Each structure stands twice: as C-alpha cells, then as structure tokens.
Amino acid sequence: MHPRAQELIQRLELQPHPEGGFYFECFRSQARVTGSEGERDSLTAIYFLLTEGTHSRWHQVAADEVWTHLEGDGLQLVDLDLRTETLNQIALGSLVDGRKPVHAVPAGHWQAARPLGAYALVACTVAPGFEFADFNLLCDRPREAKVLRGRFPELAALL
C-alpha cells in the first residue's frame, strides 16, 4: 500500500467499508428532514479511500450522493441507472489532470469505483443523510446483477 494511503488511514481514522475501501463519517447534520424515506438527518459526509488493487463494489443508496476528489490519483466512478440501462463512466480527479473533480450520483442509481493509480481519497456527501438501512450491494440482488453481467460484462468484476 502507498505510504500516503497508510498515513491517511491513520490520520483520518479510516475503517474498512462493507463495499470495499476505507471510510470515516466526518459529518452528520443535526438538522432533520422528512421525505419518502421517513425522517432522517439532512446531510452526511464521509472520507472514502480506495487503494491500488481495490474497488468500491456496486452499491445503491436511497439518496443523492456527491463524490468530490480530495487527493491522490483519480478514480473511475461508474454510475448506472438499471431501469433505463444508462451508464456514465466518470474519470474523477484533479482538473489539472483533465478529470472531473465532482460528480453527483442520483438516488437509486447503482454505483461502483476503482482507483486509477496508487490511491484516491474522496469525500462522499449524501442528502438526505446516509443510513446503512438504505444501503444495498448489487451482489445481494441476483436479478439485477444478472442484468449487469449481461449488458455490461466488462463491469461485472466490480460486483
């Protein structure tokens, strides 16, 4: 593992995330909102780190999620609406490298990511706030995973 990635894990108190990579919840709003998912915190934010050879497995959250590149190499962020089979592949990273520093994944879309180098540190902001109860892994949804494997076989490795 890259020495800077090891330093970030310690400095930011990152822990393993169920989807892969490492994370730390750095903000949870005290403000509450009521929406289709019931009452919840209005906003949450995490640090999220992916290192070379790892990836963020296909997952879905019930709210909009904004990915913001903070440091390190870029990452490939894949945003998939399985209802319409619309796929967006985003090179997230520094503007200096010609990449997009921010991308919003709409609520209900499937998403996955992999680093384009030694490590990538991002912030992920979710509104309304993230709750693990609303978190789904695509590998736990056989019917949807079959659609992904058939339509986008090159991305099945991210399951």
N, C-alpha and C. Protein backbone atom coordinates (compact mmCIF):
# COMPACT_ATOMS: atom_id res chain seq x y z
N MET A 1 0.85 -1.19 0.00
CA MET A 1 0.00 0.00 0.00
C MET A 1 0.89 1.24 0.00
N HIS A 2 0.47 2.25 -0.74
CA HIS A 2 1.21 3.50 -0.83
C HIS A 2 1.35 4.10 0.58
N PRO A 3 2.54 4.63 0.92
CA PRO A 3 2.74 5.21 2.26
C PRO A 3 1.76 6.32 2.60
N ARG A 4 1.41 7.16 1.62
CA ARG A 4 0.46 8.24 1.91
C ARG A 4 -0.92 7.66 2.24
N ALA A 5 -1.32 6.59 1.57
CA ALA A 5 -2.61 5.95 1.87
C ALA A 5 -2.60 5.40 3.30
N GLN A 6 -1.49 4.79 3.71
CA GLN A 6 -1.38 4.30 5.08
C GLN A 6 -1.48 5.45 6.08
N GLU A 7 -0.83 6.57 5.75
CA GLU A 7 -0.89 7.74 6.63
C GLU A 7 -2.32 8.26 6.74
N LEU A 8 -3.04 8.32 5.61
CA LEU A 8 -4.43 8.81 5.63
C LEU A 8 -5.33 7.90 6.46
N ILE A 9 -5.12 6.59 6.38
CA ILE A 9 -5.92 5.65 7.17
C ILE A 9 -5.76 5.96 8.65
N GLN A 10 -4.53 6.20 9.08
CA GLN A 10 -4.28 6.51 10.49
C GLN A 10 -4.76 7.90 10.86
N ARG A 11 -4.38 8.90 10.07
CA ARG A 11 -4.69 10.29 10.40
C ARG A 11 -6.19 10.57 10.41
N LEU A 12 -6.91 9.98 9.44
CA LEU A 12 -8.35 10.24 9.33
C LEU A 12 -9.19 9.18 10.05
N GLU A 13 -8.52 8.23 10.71
CA GLU A 13 -9.20 7.16 11.47
C GLU A 13 -10.15 6.36 10.59
N LEU A 14 -9.66 6.02 9.39
CA LEU A 14 -10.48 5.29 8.43
C LEU A 14 -10.62 3.83 8.83
N GLN A 15 -11.80 3.29 8.59
CA GLN A 15 -12.12 1.89 8.89
C GLN A 15 -12.58 1.20 7.61
N PRO A 16 -12.48 -0.13 7.53
CA PRO A 16 -12.97 -0.83 6.33
C PRO A 16 -14.46 -0.58 6.10
N HIS A 17 -14.83 -0.38 4.84
CA HIS A 17 -16.23 -0.16 4.46
C HIS A 17 -16.77 -1.46 3.86
N PRO A 18 -18.05 -1.80 4.09
CA PRO A 18 -18.61 -3.03 3.52
C PRO A 18 -18.53 -3.12 1.99
N GLU A 19 -18.50 -1.98 1.31
CA GLU A 19 -18.43 -2.00 -0.16
C GLU A 19 -16.99 -2.13 -0.66
N GLY A 20 -16.02 -2.04 0.25
CA GLY A 20 -14.61 -2.03 -0.10
C GLY A 20 -14.03 -0.67 0.26
N GLY A 21 -12.73 -0.57 0.31
CA GLY A 21 -12.10 0.68 0.66
C GLY A 21 -12.19 0.96 2.15
N PHE A 22 -11.89 2.21 2.51
CA PHE A 22 -11.87 2.65 3.90
C PHE A 22 -12.65 3.95 4.03
N TYR A 23 -13.28 4.15 5.19
CA TYR A 23 -14.08 5.37 5.35
C TYR A 23 -14.09 5.85 6.80
N PHE A 24 -14.51 7.11 6.95
CA PHE A 24 -14.79 7.69 8.26
C PHE A 24 -15.89 8.72 8.07
N GLU A 25 -16.95 8.61 8.85
CA GLU A 25 -18.01 9.61 8.78
C GLU A 25 -17.53 10.86 9.49
N CYS A 26 -17.33 11.94 8.73
CA CYS A 26 -16.78 13.17 9.29
C CYS A 26 -17.86 14.21 9.60
N PHE A 27 -19.10 13.97 9.13
CA PHE A 27 -20.17 14.92 9.44
C PHE A 27 -21.53 14.23 9.35
N ARG A 28 -22.38 14.51 10.33
CA ARG A 28 -23.78 14.09 10.33
C ARG A 28 -24.57 15.27 10.87
N SER A 29 -25.42 15.83 10.02
CA SER A 29 -26.18 17.02 10.40
C SER A 29 -27.12 16.72 11.58
N GLN A 30 -27.28 17.71 12.41
CA GLN A 30 -28.26 17.62 13.50
C GLN A 30 -29.65 18.04 13.01
N ALA A 31 -29.69 18.70 11.86
CA ALA A 31 -30.98 19.09 11.27
C ALA A 31 -31.67 17.84 10.72
N ARG A 32 -32.97 17.77 10.87
CA ARG A 32 -33.74 16.61 10.40
C ARG A 32 -34.66 17.04 9.27
N VAL A 33 -34.88 16.12 8.34
CA VAL A 33 -35.81 16.34 7.24
C VAL A 33 -36.75 15.14 7.15
N THR A 34 -37.91 15.37 6.57
CA THR A 34 -38.86 14.29 6.36
C THR A 34 -39.10 14.16 4.87
N GLY A 35 -38.94 12.94 4.37
CA GLY A 35 -39.13 12.68 2.94
C GLY A 35 -39.72 11.31 2.73
N SER A 36 -39.57 10.79 1.54
CA SER A 36 -40.16 9.49 1.20
C SER A 36 -39.58 8.35 2.04
N GLU A 37 -38.38 8.53 2.57
CA GLU A 37 -37.75 7.50 3.40
C GLU A 37 -38.04 7.71 4.88
N GLY A 38 -38.90 8.68 5.21
CA GLY A 38 -39.19 8.99 6.61
C GLY A 38 -38.30 10.11 7.11
N GLU A 39 -38.23 10.29 8.41
CA GLU A 39 -37.42 11.34 8.98
C GLU A 39 -35.97 10.88 9.12
N ARG A 40 -35.06 11.77 8.79
CA ARG A 40 -33.63 11.43 8.89
C ARG A 40 -32.80 12.69 8.98
N ASP A 41 -31.50 12.50 9.22
CA ASP A 41 -30.57 13.62 9.22
C ASP A 41 -30.54 14.22 7.82
N SER A 42 -30.39 15.54 7.74
CA SER A 42 -30.47 16.18 6.43
C SER A 42 -29.25 15.95 5.54
N LEU A 43 -28.08 15.68 6.14
CA LEU A 43 -26.87 15.55 5.35
C LEU A 43 -25.83 14.74 6.12
N THR A 44 -25.09 13.90 5.40
CA THR A 44 -23.94 13.21 5.97
C THR A 44 -22.77 13.33 5.01
N ALA A 45 -21.55 13.20 5.55
CA ALA A 45 -20.35 13.23 4.71
C ALA A 45 -19.33 12.26 5.27
N ILE A 46 -18.62 11.59 4.36
CA ILE A 46 -17.55 10.69 4.76
C ILE A 46 -16.29 10.98 3.95
N TYR A 47 -15.15 10.62 4.53
CA TYR A 47 -13.93 10.45 3.77
C TYR A 47 -13.97 9.02 3.26
N PHE A 48 -13.55 8.79 2.02
CA PHE A 48 -13.55 7.44 1.45
C PHE A 48 -12.25 7.26 0.67
N LEU A 49 -11.53 6.19 0.97
CA LEU A 49 -10.22 5.93 0.37
C LEU A 49 -10.23 4.59 -0.35
N LEU A 50 -9.79 4.61 -1.60
CA LEU A 50 -9.56 3.39 -2.35
C LEU A 50 -8.07 3.30 -2.67
N THR A 51 -7.49 2.12 -2.54
CA THR A 51 -6.09 1.92 -2.84
C THR A 51 -5.94 0.97 -4.03
N GLU A 52 -4.78 1.02 -4.63
CA GLU A 52 -4.50 0.19 -5.80
C GLU A 52 -4.87 -1.27 -5.54
N GLY A 53 -5.57 -1.85 -6.52
CA GLY A 53 -5.98 -3.25 -6.41
C GLY A 53 -7.29 -3.46 -5.70
N THR A 54 -7.91 -2.38 -5.19
CA THR A 54 -9.21 -2.49 -4.52
C THR A 54 -10.26 -1.78 -5.35
N HIS A 55 -11.51 -1.92 -4.95
CA HIS A 55 -12.58 -1.18 -5.61
C HIS A 55 -13.77 -1.05 -4.68
N SER A 56 -14.62 -0.13 -5.02
CA SER A 56 -15.90 0.05 -4.34
C SER A 56 -16.90 -0.79 -5.13
N ARG A 57 -17.45 -1.82 -4.47
CA ARG A 57 -18.37 -2.72 -5.16
C ARG A 57 -19.68 -2.01 -5.52
N TRP A 58 -20.34 -2.54 -6.55
CA TRP A 58 -21.63 -1.99 -6.96
C TRP A 58 -22.54 -1.88 -5.76
N HIS A 59 -23.04 -0.68 -5.52
CA HIS A 59 -23.94 -0.44 -4.40
C HIS A 59 -24.93 0.66 -4.76
N GLN A 60 -25.93 0.78 -3.92
CA GLN A 60 -27.02 1.74 -4.15
C GLN A 60 -27.39 2.36 -2.81
N VAL A 61 -27.65 3.66 -2.83
CA VAL A 61 -28.18 4.33 -1.65
C VAL A 61 -29.49 5.02 -2.03
N ALA A 62 -30.29 5.33 -1.03
CA ALA A 62 -31.63 5.87 -1.28
C ALA A 62 -31.65 7.39 -1.40
N ALA A 63 -30.50 8.02 -1.49
CA ALA A 63 -30.42 9.48 -1.56
C ALA A 63 -29.35 9.87 -2.57
N ASP A 64 -29.37 11.12 -2.99
CA ASP A 64 -28.33 11.63 -3.89
C ASP A 64 -26.98 11.60 -3.17
N GLU A 65 -25.92 11.24 -3.92
CA GLU A 65 -24.58 11.19 -3.34
C GLU A 65 -23.62 11.97 -4.23
N VAL A 66 -22.90 12.91 -3.62
CA VAL A 66 -21.93 13.72 -4.35
C VAL A 66 -20.53 13.23 -3.97
N TRP A 67 -19.78 12.83 -5.00
CA TRP A 67 -18.39 12.41 -4.84
C TRP A 67 -17.49 13.60 -5.18
N THR A 68 -16.53 13.91 -4.30
CA THR A 68 -15.59 15.01 -4.51
C THR A 68 -14.18 14.50 -4.31
N HIS A 69 -13.35 14.63 -5.35
CA HIS A 69 -11.95 14.18 -5.26
C HIS A 69 -11.18 15.12 -4.34
N LEU A 70 -10.44 14.55 -3.39
CA LEU A 70 -9.66 15.35 -2.46
C LEU A 70 -8.16 15.30 -2.73
N GLU A 71 -7.64 14.09 -2.93
CA GLU A 71 -6.20 13.98 -3.21
C GLU A 71 -5.88 12.60 -3.76
N GLY A 72 -4.64 12.49 -4.24
CA GLY A 72 -4.18 11.23 -4.80
C GLY A 72 -4.51 11.13 -6.27
N ASP A 73 -4.44 9.90 -6.77
CA ASP A 73 -4.74 9.66 -8.16
C ASP A 73 -6.25 9.77 -8.38
N GLY A 74 -6.63 9.80 -9.62
CA GLY A 74 -8.06 9.83 -9.92
C GLY A 74 -8.69 8.48 -9.68
N LEU A 75 -9.98 8.42 -9.93
CA LEU A 75 -10.67 7.14 -9.87
C LEU A 75 -11.73 7.09 -10.96
N GLN A 76 -12.04 5.87 -11.36
CA GLN A 76 -13.13 5.65 -12.31
C GLN A 76 -14.38 5.44 -11.47
N LEU A 77 -15.35 6.32 -11.64
CA LEU A 77 -16.64 6.23 -10.97
C LEU A 77 -17.65 5.82 -12.02
N VAL A 78 -18.40 4.76 -11.72
CA VAL A 78 -19.39 4.26 -12.66
C VAL A 78 -20.77 4.44 -12.03
N ASP A 79 -21.65 5.07 -12.78
CA ASP A 79 -22.99 5.45 -12.33
C ASP A 79 -23.98 4.80 -13.29
N LEU A 80 -24.82 3.89 -12.79
CA LEU A 80 -25.71 3.10 -13.64
C LEU A 80 -27.15 3.18 -13.17
N ASP A 81 -28.03 3.58 -14.09
CA ASP A 81 -29.47 3.50 -13.86
C ASP A 81 -29.95 2.23 -14.54
N LEU A 82 -30.19 1.17 -13.77
CA LEU A 82 -30.58 -0.12 -14.35
C LEU A 82 -31.96 -0.08 -15.00
N ARG A 83 -32.82 0.84 -14.55
CA ARG A 83 -34.16 0.93 -15.16
C ARG A 83 -34.08 1.30 -16.63
N THR A 84 -33.17 2.20 -16.97
CA THR A 84 -33.02 2.65 -18.36
C THR A 84 -31.75 2.12 -19.01
N GLU A 85 -30.94 1.38 -18.22
CA GLU A 85 -29.64 0.87 -18.66
C GLU A 85 -28.73 1.99 -19.15
N THR A 86 -28.83 3.15 -18.48
CA THR A 86 -27.98 4.29 -18.79
C THR A 86 -26.75 4.24 -17.92
N LEU A 87 -25.59 4.23 -18.56
CA LEU A 87 -24.31 4.10 -17.86
C LEU A 87 -23.47 5.35 -18.07
N ASN A 88 -22.95 5.90 -16.98
CA ASN A 88 -21.99 7.01 -17.04
C ASN A 88 -20.70 6.53 -16.41
N GLN A 89 -19.59 6.69 -17.13
CA GLN A 89 -18.27 6.40 -16.57
C GLN A 89 -17.53 7.72 -16.46
N ILE A 90 -17.18 8.06 -15.23
CA ILE A 90 -16.59 9.36 -14.95
C ILE A 90 -15.16 9.17 -14.47
N ALA A 91 -14.23 9.92 -15.04
CA ALA A 91 -12.87 9.96 -14.53
C ALA A 91 -12.85 11.09 -13.51
N LEU A 92 -12.94 10.72 -12.24
CA LEU A 92 -12.99 11.69 -11.15
C LEU A 92 -11.56 11.98 -10.70
N GLY A 93 -11.24 13.24 -10.56
CA GLY A 93 -9.90 13.60 -10.12
C GLY A 93 -9.63 15.07 -10.28
N SER A 94 -8.37 15.40 -10.37
CA SER A 94 -7.92 16.79 -10.44
C SER A 94 -8.21 17.41 -11.81
N LEU A 95 -8.63 18.67 -11.79
CA LEU A 95 -8.80 19.41 -13.04
C LEU A 95 -7.48 19.51 -13.81
N VAL A 96 -6.38 19.57 -13.08
CA VAL A 96 -5.05 19.66 -13.69
C VAL A 96 -4.82 18.44 -14.59
N ASP A 97 -5.35 17.29 -14.19
CA ASP A 97 -5.20 16.06 -14.97
C ASP A 97 -6.30 15.91 -16.01
N GLY A 98 -7.16 16.93 -16.16
CA GLY A 98 -8.24 16.87 -17.13
C GLY A 98 -9.42 16.03 -16.68
N ARG A 99 -9.52 15.80 -15.39
CA ARG A 99 -10.61 14.98 -14.86
C ARG A 99 -11.66 15.88 -14.22
N LYS A 100 -12.77 15.29 -13.89
CA LYS A 100 -13.88 15.99 -13.25
C LYS A 100 -13.72 15.85 -11.73
N PRO A 101 -13.65 16.95 -10.97
CA PRO A 101 -13.43 16.83 -9.53
C PRO A 101 -14.67 16.45 -8.72
N VAL A 102 -15.87 16.63 -9.28
CA VAL A 102 -17.11 16.37 -8.56
C VAL A 102 -18.09 15.67 -9.48
N HIS A 103 -18.81 14.67 -8.93
CA HIS A 103 -19.90 14.03 -9.68
C HIS A 103 -20.99 13.63 -8.70
N ALA A 104 -22.24 13.90 -9.08
CA ALA A 104 -23.40 13.53 -8.26
C ALA A 104 -24.05 12.28 -8.84
N VAL A 105 -24.24 11.28 -7.99
CA VAL A 105 -24.95 10.05 -8.36
C VAL A 105 -26.37 10.18 -7.83
N PRO A 106 -27.37 10.16 -8.72
CA PRO A 106 -28.75 10.30 -8.27
C PRO A 106 -29.21 9.15 -7.37
N ALA A 107 -30.12 9.45 -6.49
CA ALA A 107 -30.70 8.43 -5.60
C ALA A 107 -31.20 7.25 -6.42
N GLY A 108 -30.92 6.04 -5.93
CA GLY A 108 -31.40 4.84 -6.58
C GLY A 108 -30.53 4.29 -7.69
N HIS A 109 -29.55 5.07 -8.17
CA HIS A 109 -28.64 4.55 -9.18
C HIS A 109 -27.65 3.59 -8.52
N TRP A 110 -27.15 2.65 -9.28
CA TRP A 110 -26.09 1.77 -8.81
C TRP A 110 -24.77 2.48 -9.11
N GLN A 111 -23.79 2.29 -8.24
CA GLN A 111 -22.51 2.95 -8.41
C GLN A 111 -21.38 2.04 -7.95
N ALA A 112 -20.23 2.22 -8.58
CA ALA A 112 -19.01 1.49 -8.23
C ALA A 112 -17.83 2.37 -8.60
N ALA A 113 -16.67 2.07 -8.04
CA ALA A 113 -15.49 2.89 -8.33
C ALA A 113 -14.23 2.06 -8.16
N ARG A 114 -13.19 2.49 -8.88
CA ARG A 114 -11.86 1.89 -8.71
C ARG A 114 -10.81 2.97 -8.92
N PRO A 115 -9.71 2.90 -8.15
CA PRO A 115 -8.67 3.92 -8.30
C PRO A 115 -7.93 3.75 -9.62
N LEU A 116 -7.44 4.87 -10.15
CA LEU A 116 -6.68 4.86 -11.40
C LEU A 116 -5.18 4.89 -11.14
N GLY A 117 -4.79 4.68 -9.91
CA GLY A 117 -3.38 4.69 -9.54
C GLY A 117 -3.21 4.10 -8.15
N ALA A 118 -2.25 4.62 -7.40
CA ALA A 118 -1.90 4.07 -6.09
C ALA A 118 -2.99 4.26 -5.04
N TYR A 119 -3.64 5.41 -5.06
CA TYR A 119 -4.73 5.66 -4.10
C TYR A 119 -5.54 6.86 -4.55
N ALA A 120 -6.77 6.93 -4.07
CA ALA A 120 -7.64 8.09 -4.31
C ALA A 120 -8.44 8.34 -3.03
N LEU A 121 -8.38 9.56 -2.55
CA LEU A 121 -9.17 9.98 -1.40
C LEU A 121 -10.27 10.91 -1.89
N VAL A 122 -11.51 10.59 -1.54
CA VAL A 122 -12.65 11.41 -1.92
C VAL A 122 -13.49 11.71 -0.68
N ALA A 123 -14.37 12.67 -0.83
CA ALA A 123 -15.42 12.91 0.15
C ALA A 123 -16.72 12.52 -0.53
N CYS A 124 -17.58 11.82 0.19
CA CYS A 124 -18.90 11.46 -0.32
C CYS A 124 -19.93 12.10 0.60
N THR A 125 -20.77 12.94 0.00
CA THR A 125 -21.79 13.68 0.74
C THR A 125 -23.14 13.18 0.28
N VAL A 126 -24.00 12.83 1.24
CA VAL A 126 -25.31 12.24 0.93
C VAL A 126 -26.40 13.10 1.56
N ALA A 127 -27.43 13.41 0.74
CA ALA A 127 -28.56 14.19 1.23
C ALA A 127 -29.85 13.66 0.62
N PRO A 128 -30.88 13.41 1.43
CA PRO A 128 -30.84 13.36 2.89
C PRO A 128 -29.80 12.35 3.37
N GLY A 129 -29.45 12.45 4.63
CA GLY A 129 -28.33 11.71 5.19
C GLY A 129 -28.36 10.20 4.96
N PHE A 130 -27.16 9.64 4.85
CA PHE A 130 -26.97 8.21 4.63
C PHE A 130 -27.37 7.41 5.86
N GLU A 131 -28.01 6.29 5.60
CA GLU A 131 -28.32 5.30 6.63
C GLU A 131 -27.99 3.93 6.06
N PHE A 132 -27.26 3.11 6.82
CA PHE A 132 -26.92 1.77 6.32
C PHE A 132 -28.17 0.95 6.01
N ALA A 133 -29.30 1.24 6.63
CA ALA A 133 -30.54 0.51 6.35
C ALA A 133 -30.98 0.69 4.90
N ASP A 134 -30.54 1.78 4.25
CA ASP A 134 -30.90 2.07 2.85
C ASP A 134 -29.81 1.67 1.87
N PHE A 135 -28.79 0.98 2.33
CA PHE A 135 -27.62 0.63 1.54
C PHE A 135 -27.81 -0.78 0.98
N ASN A 136 -27.64 -0.94 -0.34
CA ASN A 136 -27.76 -2.25 -0.98
C ASN A 136 -26.53 -2.55 -1.80
N LEU A 137 -26.06 -3.79 -1.72
CA LEU A 137 -24.99 -4.26 -2.60
C LEU A 137 -25.63 -5.02 -3.75
N LEU A 138 -25.17 -4.76 -4.96
CA LEU A 138 -25.74 -5.40 -6.14
C LEU A 138 -25.56 -6.92 -6.10
N CYS A 139 -24.48 -7.40 -5.51
CA CYS A 139 -24.25 -8.84 -5.43
C CYS A 139 -25.33 -9.55 -4.61
N ASP A 140 -26.06 -8.79 -3.78
CA ASP A 140 -27.15 -9.36 -2.98
C ASP A 140 -28.48 -9.32 -3.72
N ARG A 141 -28.49 -8.82 -4.95
CA ARG A 141 -29.69 -8.71 -5.78
C ARG A 141 -29.47 -9.51 -7.06
N PRO A 142 -29.69 -10.84 -7.05
CA PRO A 142 -29.33 -11.69 -8.19
C PRO A 142 -29.96 -11.27 -9.52
N ARG A 143 -31.20 -10.84 -9.51
CA ARG A 143 -31.86 -10.46 -10.78
C ARG A 143 -31.18 -9.24 -11.41
N GLU A 144 -30.93 -8.21 -10.60
CA GLU A 144 -30.27 -7.01 -11.11
C GLU A 144 -28.82 -7.30 -11.49
N ALA A 145 -28.13 -8.14 -10.71
CA ALA A 145 -26.74 -8.50 -11.02
C ALA A 145 -26.67 -9.23 -12.36
N LYS A 146 -27.67 -10.04 -12.65
CA LYS A 146 -27.71 -10.75 -13.93
C LYS A 146 -27.83 -9.77 -15.10
N VAL A 147 -28.64 -8.73 -14.92
CA VAL A 147 -28.77 -7.69 -15.95
C VAL A 147 -27.42 -7.02 -16.18
N LEU A 148 -26.73 -6.68 -15.10
CA LEU A 148 -25.42 -6.03 -15.22
C LEU A 148 -24.44 -6.94 -15.96
N ARG A 149 -24.39 -8.22 -15.55
CA ARG A 149 -23.46 -9.16 -16.20
C ARG A 149 -23.75 -9.31 -17.70
N GLY A 150 -25.03 -9.32 -18.06
CA GLY A 150 -25.40 -9.49 -19.45
C GLY A 150 -25.18 -8.24 -20.29
N ARG A 151 -25.54 -7.10 -19.75
CA ARG A 151 -25.48 -5.85 -20.50
C ARG A 151 -24.11 -5.16 -20.45
N PHE A 152 -23.43 -5.29 -19.29
CA PHE A 152 -22.14 -4.63 -19.09
C PHE A 152 -21.13 -5.61 -18.51
N PRO A 153 -20.79 -6.67 -19.24
CA PRO A 153 -19.90 -7.71 -18.69
C PRO A 153 -18.53 -7.19 -18.26
N GLU A 154 -18.07 -6.12 -18.90
CA GLU A 154 -16.75 -5.56 -18.55
C GLU A 154 -16.74 -4.93 -17.16
N LEU A 155 -17.93 -4.69 -16.58
CA LEU A 155 -18.02 -4.09 -15.26
C LEU A 155 -18.45 -5.07 -14.18
N ALA A 156 -18.63 -6.34 -14.56
CA ALA A 156 -19.07 -7.36 -13.60
C ALA A 156 -18.01 -7.62 -12.53
N ALA A 157 -16.75 -7.36 -12.83
CA ALA A 157 -15.69 -7.59 -11.85
C ALA A 157 -15.86 -6.70 -10.61
N LEU A 158 -16.65 -5.64 -10.73
CA LEU A 158 -16.88 -4.73 -9.60
C LEU A 158 -17.99 -5.22 -8.67
N LEU A 159 -18.57 -6.37 -8.97
CA LEU A 159 -19.58 -6.95 -8.09
C LEU A 159 -18.91 -7.40 -6.79
